[in-house]
Amino acid sequence: MPRESGRKVVATNRKARHDYHIMDTYEAGMALMGTEVKSLREGRASLVDGFAIFYNDELYLESVYIPEYLNGSWTNHAARRRRKLLLHRAELEKIARQTRESGYTIVPLQLYFNDGLAKVEIGVGRGKKDYDKRQTLREKQDNREALRAMREKNRGA
């Protein structure tokens, strides 16, 4: 069977970029069970409440929902279990340094398959205040209106 190529997105945490100023992003592998991989290949996962935390100098992904595999047997996994993230030691130390500052947290941004391997994109970010969220929405709306006005002007010309 030929190996998969390219990037297939399974789940995206769209709310993360709305709620956090993302400073850095990292691509990490995950230590998964077989039924978790099968469930992910069906395109079923949710990153909504997910976050990453350090235990004994290792980074773990918490509260990410990967539902049980429907055709699984007694070997099935727990849906919200703690999953180890696989990163280089230098990256782990850099992330740990960044999160020691107050207000910074690690959130999963996207879950995907890259050339057949399950990966998660994590971001180190600081939570936004309500007025920051309103400002971001206002900027998006202004850009959208400007593009719409230019498109209408180009059609008329």
Protein backbone atom coordinates (compact mmCIF):
# COMPACT_ATOMS: atom_id res chain seq x y z
CA MET A 1 0.00 0.00 0.00
CA PRO A 2 1.52 3.38 -0.97
CA ARG A 3 2.30 5.81 1.80
CA GLU A 4 0.11 8.89 2.10
CA SER A 5 1.61 12.16 0.97
CA GLY A 6 0.67 15.73 1.74
CA ARG A 7 -1.20 17.26 4.62
CA LYS A 8 -4.72 16.20 5.65
CA VAL A 9 -6.29 18.40 8.34
CA VAL A 10 -8.42 16.52 10.88
CA ALA A 11 -9.39 19.29 13.33
CA THR A 12 -8.78 23.03 13.72
CA ASN A 13 -9.15 25.15 16.83
CA ARG A 14 -10.49 28.33 15.24
CA LYS A 15 -11.34 29.87 18.59
CA ALA A 16 -7.70 29.73 19.74
CA ARG A 17 -6.57 32.57 17.48
CA HIS A 18 -9.61 34.55 18.60
CA ASP A 19 -8.88 34.07 22.31
CA TYR A 20 -5.06 34.23 22.30
CA HIS A 21 -2.22 36.29 20.84
CA ILE A 22 -0.14 33.42 19.40
CA MET A 23 3.58 34.22 19.69
CA ASP A 24 5.24 30.99 18.43
CA THR A 25 3.99 27.81 16.78
CA TYR A 26 5.53 24.35 16.85
CA GLU A 27 4.79 21.08 15.07
CA ALA A 28 4.78 18.10 17.42
CA GLY A 29 4.22 14.40 16.98
CA MET A 30 1.92 12.53 19.33
CA ALA A 31 2.22 9.18 21.11
CA LEU A 32 -1.11 7.59 20.15
CA MET A 33 -2.78 4.21 20.46
CA GLY A 34 -3.89 2.35 17.34
CA THR A 35 -7.59 3.03 17.84
CA GLU A 36 -6.87 6.76 18.23
CA VAL A 37 -5.13 6.84 14.86
CA LYS A 38 -8.04 4.98 13.24
CA SER A 39 -10.52 7.41 14.78
CA LEU A 40 -8.45 10.37 13.54
CA ARG A 41 -8.29 8.91 10.02
CA GLU A 42 -12.11 8.99 10.03
CA GLY A 43 -11.79 12.75 10.63
CA ARG A 44 -13.22 12.81 14.13
CA ALA A 45 -11.60 15.01 16.80
CA SER A 46 -12.12 18.24 18.72
CA LEU A 47 -9.48 20.66 20.04
CA VAL A 48 -11.90 23.10 21.68
CA ASP A 49 -10.98 22.63 25.34
CA GLY A 50 -7.44 21.39 24.72
CA PHE A 51 -4.23 22.67 26.27
CA ALA A 52 -0.70 21.41 26.83
CA ILE A 53 1.11 21.16 30.16
CA PHE A 54 4.50 20.01 31.42
CA TYR A 55 4.89 16.93 33.64
CA ASN A 56 8.43 15.83 34.59
CA ASP A 57 10.06 17.87 31.78
CA GLU A 58 7.78 16.32 29.16
CA LEU A 59 4.92 18.03 27.37
CA TYR A 60 1.45 16.44 27.39
CA LEU A 61 -1.73 17.33 25.55
CA GLU A 62 -4.78 17.47 27.84
CA SER A 63 -8.56 17.54 27.18
CA VAL A 64 -8.36 16.91 23.44
CA TYR A 65 -11.36 14.85 22.41
CA ILE A 66 -10.67 11.90 20.11
CA PRO A 67 -13.81 9.72 20.23
CA GLU A 68 -13.60 5.97 20.66
CA TYR A 69 -13.14 3.99 17.47
CA LEU A 70 -16.52 2.48 16.56
CA ASN A 71 -15.10 -0.86 15.42
CA GLY A 72 -12.71 -1.10 18.37
CA SER A 73 -12.93 -3.81 20.96
CA TRP A 74 -11.59 -3.99 24.52
CA THR A 75 -8.40 -2.27 23.24
CA ASN A 76 -10.27 1.01 22.73
CA HIS A 77 -8.84 4.22 24.23
CA ALA A 78 -10.29 6.79 26.63
CA ALA A 79 -11.66 9.75 24.68
CA ARG A 80 -9.98 12.53 26.72
CA ARG A 81 -6.80 10.85 27.92
CA ARG A 82 -3.44 12.59 28.38
CA ARG A 83 -1.28 12.27 25.25
CA LYS A 84 2.48 12.78 25.16
CA LEU A 85 3.81 15.29 22.64
CA LEU A 86 7.03 14.42 20.83
CA LEU A 87 9.39 17.38 20.46
CA HIS A 88 13.15 17.91 20.45
CA ARG A 89 14.68 18.71 23.84
CA ALA A 90 15.73 22.21 22.66
CA GLU A 91 12.15 22.98 21.61
CA LEU A 92 10.81 21.73 24.95
CA GLU A 93 13.24 23.96 26.85
CA LYS A 94 12.33 26.97 24.71
CA ILE A 95 8.59 26.40 25.30
CA ALA A 96 9.17 25.92 29.04
CA ARG A 97 11.08 29.21 29.17
CA GLN A 98 8.29 31.02 27.37
CA THR A 99 5.52 29.63 29.57
CA ARG A 100 7.30 30.46 32.83
CA GLU A 101 6.38 34.08 32.15
CA SER A 102 2.98 34.83 33.62
CA GLY A 103 -0.02 34.77 31.32
CA TYR A 104 1.44 32.46 28.66
CA THR A 105 -0.17 29.14 27.82
CA ILE A 106 0.17 26.37 25.23
CA VAL A 107 -2.87 25.70 23.06
CA PRO A 108 -3.37 23.22 20.20
CA LEU A 109 -4.14 24.99 16.94
CA GLN A 110 -4.51 22.17 14.43
CA LEU A 111 -4.50 18.38 14.31
CA TYR A 112 -3.45 16.82 10.99
CA PHE A 113 -1.68 14.01 9.17
CA ASN A 114 1.60 15.01 7.52
CA ASP A 115 2.79 12.31 5.10
CA GLY A 116 0.78 9.73 7.05
CA LEU A 117 2.04 10.74 10.52
CA ALA A 118 -0.31 12.30 13.09
CA LYS A 119 0.90 15.77 14.08
CA VAL A 120 -0.42 18.62 16.18
CA GLU A 121 0.41 22.29 15.74
CA ILE A 122 0.72 23.96 19.12
CA GLY A 123 1.01 27.65 19.82
CA VAL A 124 2.44 29.55 22.77
CA GLY A 125 0.21 32.52 23.41
CA ARG A 126 -1.14 35.03 25.86
CA GLY A 127 -4.85 35.43 26.44
CA LYS A 128 -6.59 38.39 24.82
CA LYS A 129 -8.68 40.88 26.73
CA ASP A 130 -12.23 41.64 25.58
CA TYR A 131 -11.21 44.94 24.00
CA ASP A 132 -8.46 43.15 22.01
CA LYS A 133 -11.05 40.72 20.64
CA ARG A 134 -13.33 43.59 19.61
CA GLN A 135 -10.40 45.37 17.95
CA THR A 136 -9.48 42.24 15.98
CA LEU A 137 -13.08 41.76 14.80
CA ARG A 138 -13.27 45.45 13.81
CA GLU A 139 -10.05 45.16 11.76
CA LYS A 140 -11.34 42.05 9.96
CA GLN A 141 -14.62 43.77 9.17
CA ASP A 142 -12.86 46.92 7.89
CA ASN A 143 -10.58 44.84 5.64
CA ARG A 144 -13.56 42.92 4.29
CA GLU A 145 -15.43 46.16 3.52
CA ALA A 146 -12.36 47.66 1.82
CA LEU A 147 -11.94 44.58 -0.38
CA ARG A 148 -15.64 44.64 -1.22
CA ALA A 149 -15.44 48.35 -2.18
CA MET A 150 -12.38 47.77 -4.40
CA ARG A 151 -14.06 44.79 -6.07
CA GLU A 152 -17.20 46.86 -6.80
CA LYS A 153 -15.09 49.71 -8.18
CA ASN A 154 -13.11 47.36 -10.44
CA ARG A 155 -16.31 45.80 -11.78
CA GLY A 156 -17.73 49.19 -12.68
CA ALA A 157 -14.57 50.37 -14.46
